[in-house]
PDB file of all heavy atoms in Angstrom:
ATOM      1  N   LEU A   1      -8.035 -12.325  -4.316  1.00  0.00           N
ATOM      2  CA  LEU A   1      -8.261 -10.902  -4.093  1.00  0.00           C
ATOM      3  C   LEU A   1      -7.651 -10.533  -2.739  1.00  0.00           C
ATOM      4  O   LEU A   1      -7.056  -9.409  -2.611  1.00  0.00           O
ATOM      5  CB  LEU A   1      -9.734 -10.675  -4.109  1.00  0.00           C
ATOM      6  CG  LEU A   1     -10.418 -10.524  -5.515  1.00  0.00           C
ATOM      7  CD1 LEU A   1     -11.915 -10.268  -5.368  1.00  0.00           C
ATOM      8  CD2 LEU A   1      -9.790  -9.493  -6.317  1.00  0.00           C
ATOM      9  N   VAL A   2      -7.911 -11.282  -1.703  1.00  0.00           N
ATOM     10  CA  VAL A   2      -7.409 -10.927  -0.373  1.00  0.00           C
ATOM     11  C   VAL A   2      -5.930 -10.926  -0.404  1.00  0.00           C
ATOM     12  O   VAL A   2      -5.283  -9.981   0.138  1.00  0.00           O
ATOM     13  CB  VAL A   2      -7.942 -11.928   0.612  1.00  0.00           C
ATOM     14  CG1 VAL A   2      -7.303 -11.756   1.983  1.00  0.00           C
ATOM     15  CG2 VAL A   2      -9.457 -11.921   0.792  1.00  0.00           C
ATOM     16  N   PHE A   3      -5.280 -12.002  -1.001  1.00  0.00           N
ATOM     17  CA  PHE A   3      -3.836 -12.065  -1.013  1.00  0.00           C
ATOM     18  C   PHE A   3      -3.258 -10.865  -1.922  1.00  0.00           C
ATOM     19  O   PHE A   3      -2.204 -10.337  -1.564  1.00  0.00           O
ATOM     20  CB  PHE A   3      -3.405 -13.375  -1.666  1.00  0.00           C
ATOM     21  CG  PHE A   3      -1.890 -13.659  -1.648  1.00  0.00           C
ATOM     22  CD1 PHE A   3      -1.220 -13.954  -0.448  1.00  0.00           C
ATOM     23  CD2 PHE A   3      -1.155 -13.417  -2.839  1.00  0.00           C
ATOM     24  CE1 PHE A   3       0.125 -14.183  -0.472  1.00  0.00           C
ATOM     25  CE2 PHE A   3       0.225 -13.634  -2.751  1.00  0.00           C
ATOM     26  CZ  PHE A   3       0.780 -13.985  -1.641  1.00  0.00           C
ATOM     27  N   GLY A   4      -3.950 -10.557  -2.919  1.00  0.00           N
ATOM     28  CA  GLY A   4      -3.446  -9.426  -3.822  1.00  0.00           C
ATOM     29  C   GLY A   4      -3.505  -8.094  -3.123  1.00  0.00           C
ATOM     30  O   GLY A   4      -2.552  -7.329  -3.230  1.00  0.00           O
ATOM     31  N   VAL A   5      -4.515  -7.829  -2.359  1.00  0.00           N
ATOM     32  CA  VAL A   5      -4.625  -6.557  -1.570  1.00  0.00           C
ATOM     33  C   VAL A   5      -3.528  -6.522  -0.543  1.00  0.00           C
ATOM     34  O   VAL A   5      -2.876  -5.463  -0.426  1.00  0.00           O
ATOM     35  CB  VAL A   5      -6.015  -6.363  -0.952  1.00  0.00           C
ATOM     36  CG1 VAL A   5      -6.004  -5.255   0.026  1.00  0.00           C
ATOM     37  CG2 VAL A   5      -7.115  -6.188  -1.948  1.00  0.00           C
ATOM     38  N   ALA A   6      -3.293  -7.600   0.190  1.00  0.00           N
ATOM     39  CA  ALA A   6      -2.203  -7.656   1.133  1.00  0.00           C
ATOM     40  C   ALA A   6      -0.832  -7.386   0.539  1.00  0.00           C
ATOM     41  O   ALA A   6       0.046  -6.635   0.974  1.00  0.00           O
ATOM     42  CB  ALA A   6      -2.246  -8.972   1.971  1.00  0.00           C
ATOM     43  N   ALA A   7      -0.555  -8.210  -0.587  1.00  0.00           N
ATOM     44  CA  ALA A   7       0.710  -7.989  -1.284  1.00  0.00           C
ATOM     45  C   ALA A   7       0.858  -6.619  -1.829  1.00  0.00           C
ATOM     46  O   ALA A   7       2.027  -6.063  -1.736  1.00  0.00           O
ATOM     47  CB  ALA A   7       0.780  -9.033  -2.404  1.00  0.00           C
ATOM     48  N   PHE A   8      -0.154  -6.019  -2.385  1.00  0.00           N
ATOM     49  CA  PHE A   8      -0.077  -4.718  -2.920  1.00  0.00           C
ATOM     50  C   PHE A   8       0.249  -3.640  -1.876  1.00  0.00           C
ATOM     51  O   PHE A   8       1.103  -2.809  -2.038  1.00  0.00           O
ATOM     52  CB  PHE A   8      -1.404  -4.315  -3.591  1.00  0.00           C
ATOM     53  CG  PHE A   8      -1.492  -2.849  -4.073  1.00  0.00           C
ATOM     54  CD1 PHE A   8      -0.879  -2.492  -5.207  1.00  0.00           C
ATOM     55  CD2 PHE A   8      -2.228  -1.914  -3.364  1.00  0.00           C
ATOM     56  CE1 PHE A   8      -0.948  -1.152  -5.710  1.00  0.00           C
ATOM     57  CE2 PHE A   8      -2.198  -0.566  -3.766  1.00  0.00           C
ATOM     58  CZ  PHE A   8      -1.567  -0.226  -4.982  1.00  0.00           C
ATOM     59  N   THR A   9      -0.383  -3.785  -0.680  1.00  0.00           N
ATOM     60  CA  THR A   9      -0.103  -2.907   0.408  1.00  0.00           C
ATOM     61  C   THR A   9       1.339  -3.050   0.895  1.00  0.00           C
ATOM     62  O   THR A   9       1.968  -2.058   1.202  1.00  0.00           O
ATOM     63  CB  THR A   9      -1.028  -3.219   1.627  1.00  0.00           C
ATOM     64  OG1 THR A   9      -2.388  -3.181   1.251  1.00  0.00           O
ATOM     65  CG2 THR A   9      -0.778  -2.294   2.781  1.00  0.00           C
ATOM     66  N   LEU A  10       1.753  -4.261   0.975  1.00  0.00           N
ATOM     67  CA  LEU A  10       3.218  -4.502   1.428  1.00  0.00           C
ATOM     68  C   LEU A  10       4.185  -3.918   0.420  1.00  0.00           C
ATOM     69  O   LEU A  10       5.173  -3.187   0.847  1.00  0.00           O
ATOM     70  CB  LEU A  10       3.458  -6.048   1.571  1.00  0.00           C
ATOM     71  CG  LEU A  10       4.874  -6.508   1.956  1.00  0.00           C
ATOM     72  CD1 LEU A  10       5.248  -5.904   3.289  1.00  0.00           C
ATOM     73  CD2 LEU A  10       4.890  -8.017   1.974  1.00  0.00           C
ATOM     74  N   ILE A  11       3.949  -4.095  -0.864  1.00  0.00           N
ATOM     75  CA  ILE A  11       4.866  -3.588  -1.898  1.00  0.00           C
ATOM     76  C   ILE A  11       4.830  -2.087  -1.883  1.00  0.00           C
ATOM     77  O   ILE A  11       5.968  -1.431  -1.944  1.00  0.00           O
ATOM     78  CB  ILE A  11       4.450  -4.167  -3.251  1.00  0.00           C
ATOM     79  CG1 ILE A  11       4.740  -5.660  -3.325  1.00  0.00           C
ATOM     80  CG2 ILE A  11       5.229  -3.383  -4.362  1.00  0.00           C
ATOM     81  CD1 ILE A  11       4.085  -6.358  -4.518  1.00  0.00           C
ATOM     82  N   VAL A  12       3.731  -1.437  -1.765  1.00  0.00           N
ATOM     83  CA  VAL A  12       3.664   0.012  -1.666  1.00  0.00           C
ATOM     84  C   VAL A  12       4.455   0.620  -0.506  1.00  0.00           C
ATOM     85  O   VAL A  12       5.181   1.513  -0.647  1.00  0.00           O
ATOM     86  CB  VAL A  12       2.148   0.469  -1.648  1.00  0.00           C
ATOM     87  CG1 VAL A  12       2.129   2.014  -1.372  1.00  0.00           C
ATOM     88  CG2 VAL A  12       1.505   0.185  -2.978  1.00  0.00           C
ATOM     89  N   ALA A  13       4.260  -0.042   0.596  1.00  0.00           N
ATOM     90  CA  ALA A  13       5.008   0.386   1.854  1.00  0.00           C
ATOM     91  C   ALA A  13       6.462   0.257   1.637  1.00  0.00           C
ATOM     92  O   ALA A  13       7.256   1.130   2.011  1.00  0.00           O
ATOM     93  CB  ALA A  13       4.511  -0.436   3.026  1.00  0.00           C
ATOM     94  N   VAL A  14       6.976  -0.829   1.012  1.00  0.00           N
ATOM     95  CA  VAL A  14       8.444  -0.986   0.791  1.00  0.00           C
ATOM     96  C   VAL A  14       8.935  -0.036  -0.263  1.00  0.00           C
ATOM     97  O   VAL A  14      10.015   0.560  -0.016  1.00  0.00           O
ATOM     98  CB  VAL A  14       8.680  -2.485   0.316  1.00  0.00           C
ATOM     99  CG1 VAL A  14      10.134  -2.628  -0.120  1.00  0.00           C
ATOM    100  CG2 VAL A  14       8.311  -3.459   1.410  1.00  0.00           C
ATOM    101  N   LEU A  15       8.215   0.189  -1.282  1.00  0.00           N
ATOM    102  CA  LEU A  15       8.651   1.177  -2.348  1.00  0.00           C
ATOM    103  C   LEU A  15       8.755   2.596  -1.717  1.00  0.00           C
ATOM    104  O   LEU A  15       9.673   3.328  -2.072  1.00  0.00           O
ATOM    105  CB  LEU A  15       7.706   1.112  -3.565  1.00  0.00           C
ATOM    106  CG  LEU A  15       7.790  -0.201  -4.327  1.00  0.00           C
ATOM    107  CD1 LEU A  15       6.787  -0.118  -5.459  1.00  0.00           C
ATOM    108  CD2 LEU A  15       9.203  -0.401  -4.865  1.00  0.00           C
ATOM    109  N   ILE A  16       7.710   2.986  -0.966  1.00  0.00           N
ATOM    110  CA  ILE A  16       7.782   4.384  -0.438  1.00  0.00           C
ATOM    111  C   ILE A  16       8.922   4.488   0.557  1.00  0.00           C
ATOM    112  O   ILE A  16       9.668   5.487   0.572  1.00  0.00           O
ATOM    113  CB  ILE A  16       6.463   4.663   0.327  1.00  0.00           C
ATOM    114  CG1 ILE A  16       5.270   4.722  -0.703  1.00  0.00           C
ATOM    115  CG2 ILE A  16       6.544   5.996   1.071  1.00  0.00           C
ATOM    116  CD1 ILE A  16       3.897   4.923  -0.055  1.00  0.00           C
ATOM    117  N   LYS A  17       9.179   3.466   1.381  1.00  0.00           N
ATOM    118  CA  LYS A  17      10.314   3.509   2.244  1.00  0.00           C
ATOM    119  C   LYS A  17      11.666   3.559   1.509  1.00  0.00           C
ATOM    120  O   LYS A  17      12.608   4.267   1.969  1.00  0.00           O
ATOM    121  CB  LYS A  17      10.292   2.242   3.142  1.00  0.00           C
ATOM    122  CG  LYS A  17      11.394   2.184   4.244  1.00  0.00           C
ATOM    123  CD  LYS A  17      11.137   3.264   5.293  1.00  0.00           C
ATOM    124  CE  LYS A  17      12.135   3.152   6.465  1.00  0.00           C
ATOM    125  NZ  LYS A  17      11.902   4.178   7.461  1.00  0.00           N
ATOM    126  N   ARG A  18      11.670   2.891   0.373  1.00  0.00           N
ATOM    127  CA  ARG A  18      12.948   2.870  -0.391  1.00  0.00           C
ATOM    128  C   ARG A  18      13.167   4.122  -1.151  1.00  0.00           C
ATOM    129  O   ARG A  18      14.307   4.657  -1.204  1.00  0.00           O
ATOM    130  CB  ARG A  18      12.842   1.679  -1.428  1.00  0.00           C
ATOM    131  CG  ARG A  18      14.071   1.579  -2.385  1.00  0.00           C
ATOM    132  CD  ARG A  18      15.312   1.252  -1.668  1.00  0.00           C
ATOM    133  NE  ARG A  18      16.378   1.031  -2.553  1.00  0.00           N
ATOM    134  CZ  ARG A  18      17.210   2.006  -3.035  1.00  0.00           C
ATOM    135  NH1 ARG A  18      16.885   3.253  -2.661  1.00  0.00           N
ATOM    136  NH2 ARG A  18      18.171   1.770  -3.861  1.00  0.00           N
ATOM    137  N   PHE A  19      12.122   4.684  -1.813  1.00  0.00           N
ATOM    138  CA  PHE A  19      12.391   5.861  -2.739  1.00  0.00           C
ATOM    139  C   PHE A  19      11.935   7.169  -2.120  1.00  0.00           C
ATOM    140  O   PHE A  19      12.327   8.264  -2.584  1.00  0.00           O
ATOM    141  CB  PHE A  19      11.711   5.625  -4.024  1.00  0.00           C
ATOM    142  CG  PHE A  19      12.199   4.418  -4.778  1.00  0.00           C
ATOM    143  CD1 PHE A  19      11.495   3.232  -4.780  1.00  0.00           C
ATOM    144  CD2 PHE A  19      13.491   4.460  -5.421  1.00  0.00           C
ATOM    145  CE1 PHE A  19      11.975   2.133  -5.547  1.00  0.00           C
ATOM    146  CE2 PHE A  19      13.918   3.372  -6.089  1.00  0.00           C
ATOM    147  CZ  PHE A  19      13.333   2.232  -6.204  1.00  0.00           C
ATOM    148  N   LEU A  20      11.033   7.179  -1.149  1.00  0.00           N
ATOM    149  CA  LEU A  20      10.475   8.404  -0.553  1.00  0.00           C
ATOM    150  C   LEU A  20      10.557   8.209   0.973  1.00  0.00           C
ATOM    151  O   LEU A  20       9.476   8.227   1.630  1.00  0.00           O
ATOM    152  CB  LEU A  20       9.135   8.716  -0.985  1.00  0.00           C
ATOM    153  CG  LEU A  20       8.944   8.915  -2.507  1.00  0.00           C
ATOM    154  CD1 LEU A  20       7.453   8.909  -2.914  1.00  0.00           C
ATOM    155  CD2 LEU A  20       9.587  10.207  -2.950  1.00  0.00           C
ATOM    156  N   PRO A  21      11.746   8.098   1.568  1.00  0.00           N
ATOM    157  CA  PRO A  21      11.863   7.784   2.982  1.00  0.00           C
ATOM    158  C   PRO A  21      11.314   8.798   3.922  1.00  0.00           C
ATOM    159  O   PRO A  21      11.058   8.475   5.086  1.00  0.00           O
ATOM    160  CB  PRO A  21      13.362   7.541   3.202  1.00  0.00           C
ATOM    161  CG  PRO A  21      13.967   8.269   2.101  1.00  0.00           C
ATOM    162  CD  PRO A  21      13.032   8.181   0.918  1.00  0.00           C
ATOM    163  N   SER A  22      11.148  10.044   3.505  1.00  0.00           N
ATOM    164  CA  SER A  22      10.663  11.146   4.409  1.00  0.00           C
ATOM    165  C   SER A  22       9.191  11.002   4.548  1.00  0.00           C
ATOM    166  O   SER A  22       8.621  11.664   5.466  1.00  0.00           O
ATOM    167  CB  SER A  22      11.049  12.492   3.806  1.00  0.00           C
ATOM    168  OG  SER A  22      10.454  12.639   2.556  1.00  0.00           O
ATOM    169  N   LEU A  23       8.459  10.245   3.712  1.00  0.00           N
ATOM    170  CA  LEU A  23       7.046  10.130   3.789  1.00  0.00           C
ATOM    171  C   LEU A  23       6.585   9.035   4.754  1.00  0.00           C
ATOM    172  O   LEU A  23       7.424   8.043   4.870  1.00  0.00           O
ATOM    173  CB  LEU A  23       6.452   9.942   2.458  1.00  0.00           C
ATOM    174  CG  LEU A  23       6.652  11.042   1.419  1.00  0.00           C
ATOM    175  CD1 LEU A  23       5.959  10.713   0.085  1.00  0.00           C
ATOM    176  CD2 LEU A  23       6.084  12.359   1.923  1.00  0.00           C
ATOM    177  N   PRO A  24       5.447   9.102   5.405  1.00  0.00           N
ATOM    178  CA  PRO A  24       4.988   8.033   6.306  1.00  0.00           C
ATOM    179  C   PRO A  24       4.480   6.765   5.485  1.00  0.00           C
ATOM    180  O   PRO A  24       3.333   6.739   5.036  1.00  0.00           O
ATOM    181  CB  PRO A  24       3.762   8.668   7.054  1.00  0.00           C
ATOM    182  CG  PRO A  24       3.322   9.753   6.133  1.00  0.00           C
ATOM    183  CD  PRO A  24       4.497  10.251   5.414  1.00  0.00           C
ATOM    184  N   ASN A  25       5.399   5.865   5.232  1.00  0.00           N
ATOM    185  CA  ASN A  25       5.139   4.754   4.309  1.00  0.00           C
ATOM    186  C   ASN A  25       3.998   3.863   4.727  1.00  0.00           C
ATOM    187  O   ASN A  25       3.122   3.417   3.899  1.00  0.00           O
ATOM    188  CB  ASN A  25       6.372   3.928   4.066  1.00  0.00           C
ATOM    189  CG  ASN A  25       6.799   3.218   5.327  1.00  0.00           C
ATOM    190  OD1 ASN A  25       6.789   3.781   6.350  1.00  0.00           O
ATOM    191  ND2 ASN A  25       7.249   1.974   5.134  1.00  0.00           N
ATOM    192  N   LEU A  26       3.834   3.596   6.080  1.00  0.00           N
ATOM    193  CA  LEU A  26       2.821   2.731   6.491  1.00  0.00           C
ATOM    194  C   LEU A  26       1.419   3.345   6.323  1.00  0.00           C
ATOM    195  O   LEU A  26       0.489   2.633   5.869  1.00  0.00           O
ATOM    196  CB  LEU A  26       3.043   2.290   7.953  1.00  0.00           C
ATOM    197  CG  LEU A  26       4.274   1.566   8.275  1.00  0.00           C
ATOM    198  CD1 LEU A  26       4.325   1.179   9.795  1.00  0.00           C
ATOM    199  CD2 LEU A  26       4.432   0.297   7.445  1.00  0.00           C
ATOM    200  N   LEU A  27       1.296   4.613   6.590  1.00  0.00           N
ATOM    201  CA  LEU A  27       0.028   5.306   6.461  1.00  0.00           C
ATOM    202  C   LEU A  27      -0.385   5.370   5.065  1.00  0.00           C
ATOM    203  O   LEU A  27      -1.561   5.077   4.665  1.00  0.00           O
ATOM    204  CB  LEU A  27       0.136   6.709   7.124  1.00  0.00           C
ATOM    205  CG  LEU A  27      -1.149   7.551   7.151  1.00  0.00           C
ATOM    206  CD1 LEU A  27      -2.263   6.826   7.924  1.00  0.00           C
ATOM    207  CD2 LEU A  27      -0.853   8.938   7.659  1.00  0.00           C
ATOM    208  N   LEU A  28       0.545   5.776   4.175  1.00  0.00           N
ATOM    209  CA  LEU A  28       0.222   5.854   2.735  1.00  0.00           C
ATOM    210  C   LEU A  28      -0.080   4.480   2.159  1.00  0.00           C
ATOM    211  O   LEU A  28      -0.963   4.334   1.254  1.00  0.00           O
ATOM    212  CB  LEU A  28       1.413   6.519   2.010  1.00  0.00           C
ATOM    213  CG  LEU A  28       1.652   7.946   2.329  1.00  0.00           C
ATOM    214  CD1 LEU A  28       2.890   8.485   1.580  1.00  0.00           C
ATOM    215  CD2 LEU A  28       0.444   8.808   2.023  1.00  0.00           C
ATOM    216  N   ALA A  29       0.625   3.430   2.592  1.00  0.00           N
ATOM    217  CA  ALA A  29       0.353   2.085   2.098  1.00  0.00           C
ATOM    218  C   ALA A  29      -1.044   1.648   2.568  1.00  0.00           C
ATOM    219  O   ALA A  29      -1.759   0.943   1.794  1.00  0.00           O
ATOM    220  CB  ALA A  29       1.404   1.125   2.595  1.00  0.00           C
ATOM    221  N   MET A  30      -1.462   1.952   3.750  1.00  0.00           N
ATOM    222  CA  MET A  30      -2.814   1.667   4.270  1.00  0.00           C
ATOM    223  C   MET A  30      -3.835   2.292   3.405  1.00  0.00           C
ATOM    224  O   MET A  30      -4.895   1.707   2.989  1.00  0.00           O
ATOM    225  CB  MET A  30      -3.032   2.036   5.711  1.00  0.00           C
ATOM    226  CG  MET A  30      -2.259   1.197   6.684  1.00  0.00           C
ATOM    227  SD  MET A  30      -2.257   1.765   8.358  1.00  0.00           S
ATOM    228  CE  MET A  30      -4.001   1.821   8.718  1.00  0.00           C
ATOM    229  N   ILE A  31      -3.617   3.555   3.002  1.00  0.00           N
ATOM    230  CA  ILE A  31      -4.572   4.356   2.141  1.00  0.00           C
ATOM    231  C   ILE A  31      -4.635   3.691   0.792  1.00  0.00           C
ATOM    232  O   ILE A  31      -5.711   3.472   0.228  1.00  0.00           O
ATOM    233  CB  ILE A  31      -4.166   5.751   2.079  1.00  0.00           C
ATOM    234  CG1 ILE A  31      -4.302   6.440   3.447  1.00  0.00           C
ATOM    235  CG2 ILE A  31      -5.031   6.529   1.026  1.00  0.00           C
ATOM    236  CD1 ILE A  31      -3.742   7.857   3.500  1.00  0.00           C
ATOM    237  N   ALA A  32      -3.475   3.326   0.239  1.00  0.00           N
ATOM    238  CA  ALA A  32      -3.416   2.715  -1.066  1.00  0.00           C
ATOM    239  C   ALA A  32      -4.133   1.397  -1.076  1.00  0.00           C
ATOM    240  O   ALA A  32      -4.910   1.043  -2.035  1.00  0.00           O
ATOM    241  CB  ALA A  32      -2.005   2.523  -1.534  1.00  0.00           C
ATOM    242  N   GLY A  33      -3.878   0.596  -0.100  1.00  0.00           N
ATOM    243  CA  GLY A  33      -4.500  -0.746   0.028  1.00  0.00           C
ATOM    244  C   GLY A  33      -6.036  -0.620   0.153  1.00  0.00           C
ATOM    245  O   GLY A  33      -6.795  -1.457  -0.386  1.00  0.00           O
ATOM    246  N   SER A  34      -6.524   0.352   0.942  1.00  0.00           N
ATOM    247  CA  SER A  34      -7.929   0.615   1.063  1.00  0.00           C
ATOM    248  C   SER A  34      -8.590   1.008  -0.267  1.00  0.00           C
ATOM    249  O   SER A  34      -9.682   0.552  -0.594  1.00  0.00           O
ATOM    250  CB  SER A  34      -8.216   1.716   2.162  1.00  0.00           C
ATOM    251  OG  SER A  34      -7.608   1.301   3.386  1.00  0.00           O
ATOM    252  N   LEU A  35      -7.894   1.971  -0.949  1.00  0.00           N
ATOM    253  CA  LEU A  35      -8.417   2.338  -2.233  1.00  0.00           C
ATOM    254  C   LEU A  35      -8.530   1.201  -3.277  1.00  0.00           C
ATOM    255  O   LEU A  35      -9.487   1.081  -4.016  1.00  0.00           O
ATOM    256  CB  LEU A  35      -7.570   3.467  -2.821  1.00  0.00           C
ATOM    257  CG  LEU A  35      -7.617   4.758  -2.073  1.00  0.00           C
ATOM    258  CD1 LEU A  35      -6.652   5.796  -2.671  1.00  0.00           C
ATOM    259  CD2 LEU A  35      -9.058   5.435  -2.070  1.00  0.00           C
ATOM    260  N   LEU A  36      -7.538   0.335  -3.275  1.00  0.00           N
ATOM    261  CA  LEU A  36      -7.541  -0.826  -4.183  1.00  0.00           C
ATOM    262  C   LEU A  36      -8.665  -1.752  -3.809  1.00  0.00           C
ATOM    263  O   LEU A  36      -9.402  -2.271  -4.647  1.00  0.00           O
ATOM    264  CB  LEU A  36      -6.195  -1.590  -4.073  1.00  0.00           C
ATOM    265  CG  LEU A  36      -6.157  -2.885  -4.851  1.00  0.00           C
ATOM    266  CD1 LEU A  36      -6.286  -2.604  -6.360  1.00  0.00           C
ATOM    267  CD2 LEU A  36      -4.825  -3.636  -4.609  1.00  0.00           C
ATOM    268  N   ALA A  37      -8.944  -1.990  -2.453  1.00  0.00           N
ATOM    269  CA  ALA A  37      -9.984  -2.844  -2.016  1.00  0.00           C
ATOM    270  C   ALA A  37     -11.319  -2.239  -2.439  1.00  0.00           C
ATOM    271  O   ALA A  37     -12.218  -3.031  -2.914  1.00  0.00           O
ATOM    272  CB  ALA A  37      -9.925  -3.079  -0.492  1.00  0.00           C
ATOM    273  N   LEU A  38     -11.538  -1.001  -2.334  1.00  0.00           N
ATOM    274  CA  LEU A  38     -12.753  -0.414  -2.825  1.00  0.00           C
ATOM    275  C   LEU A  38     -13.015  -0.524  -4.245  1.00  0.00           C
ATOM    276  O   LEU A  38     -14.090  -0.749  -4.735  1.00  0.00           O
ATOM    277  CB  LEU A  38     -12.811   1.085  -2.341  1.00  0.00           C
ATOM    278  CG  LEU A  38     -12.914   1.437  -0.814  1.00  0.00           C
ATOM    279  CD1 LEU A  38     -12.763   2.911  -0.595  1.00  0.00           C
ATOM    280  CD2 LEU A  38     -14.264   0.904  -0.288  1.00  0.00           C
ATOM    281  N   GLU A  39     -11.838  -0.388  -5.016  1.00  0.00           N
ATOM    282  CA  GLU A  39     -11.942  -0.481  -6.456  1.00  0.00           C
ATOM    283  C   GLU A  39     -12.318  -1.948  -6.882  1.00  0.00           C
ATOM    284  O   GLU A  39     -12.988  -2.122  -7.916  1.00  0.00           O
ATOM    285  CB  GLU A  39     -10.592  -0.171  -7.093  1.00  0.00           C
ATOM    286  CG  GLU A  39     -10.534  -0.159  -8.599  1.00  0.00           C
ATOM    287  CD  GLU A  39     -11.451   0.920  -9.203  1.00  0.00           C
ATOM    288  OE1 GLU A  39     -11.737   1.941  -8.552  1.00  0.00           O
ATOM    289  OE2 GLU A  39     -11.863   0.685 -10.348  1.00  0.00           O
ATOM    290  N   LEU A  40     -11.867  -2.943  -6.042  1.00  0.00           N
ATOM    291  CA  LEU A  40     -12.165  -4.301  -6.328  1.00  0.00           C
ATOM    292  C   LEU A  40     -13.590  -4.774  -5.900  1.00  0.00           C
ATOM    293  O   LEU A  40     -13.984  -5.893  -6.189  1.00  0.00           O
ATOM    294  CB  LEU A  40     -11.130  -5.203  -5.702  1.00  0.00           C
ATOM    295  CG  LEU A  40      -9.710  -5.055  -6.347  1.00  0.00           C
ATOM    296  CD1 LEU A  40      -8.684  -5.911  -5.519  1.00  0.00           C
ATOM    297  CD2 LEU A  40      -9.620  -5.515  -7.823  1.00  0.00           C
ATOM    298  N   GLY A  41     -14.247  -3.878  -5.152  1.00  0.00           N
ATOM    299  CA  GLY A  41     -15.597  -4.284  -4.723  1.00  0.00           C
ATOM    300  C   GLY A  41     -15.803  -4.280  -3.231  1.00  0.00           C
ATOM    301  O   GLY A  41     -16.900  -4.456  -2.724  1.00  0.00           O
TER     302      GLY A  41
END
């Protein structure tokens, strides 16, 4: 679970940087990782 949340955050940050470079990728990845962690418990 821990490894999955970290990997998911990293992948989201990379994808946003790649396809939506004008958006703050680190901030959005942190939000996405937090939402996933809450969903997992």
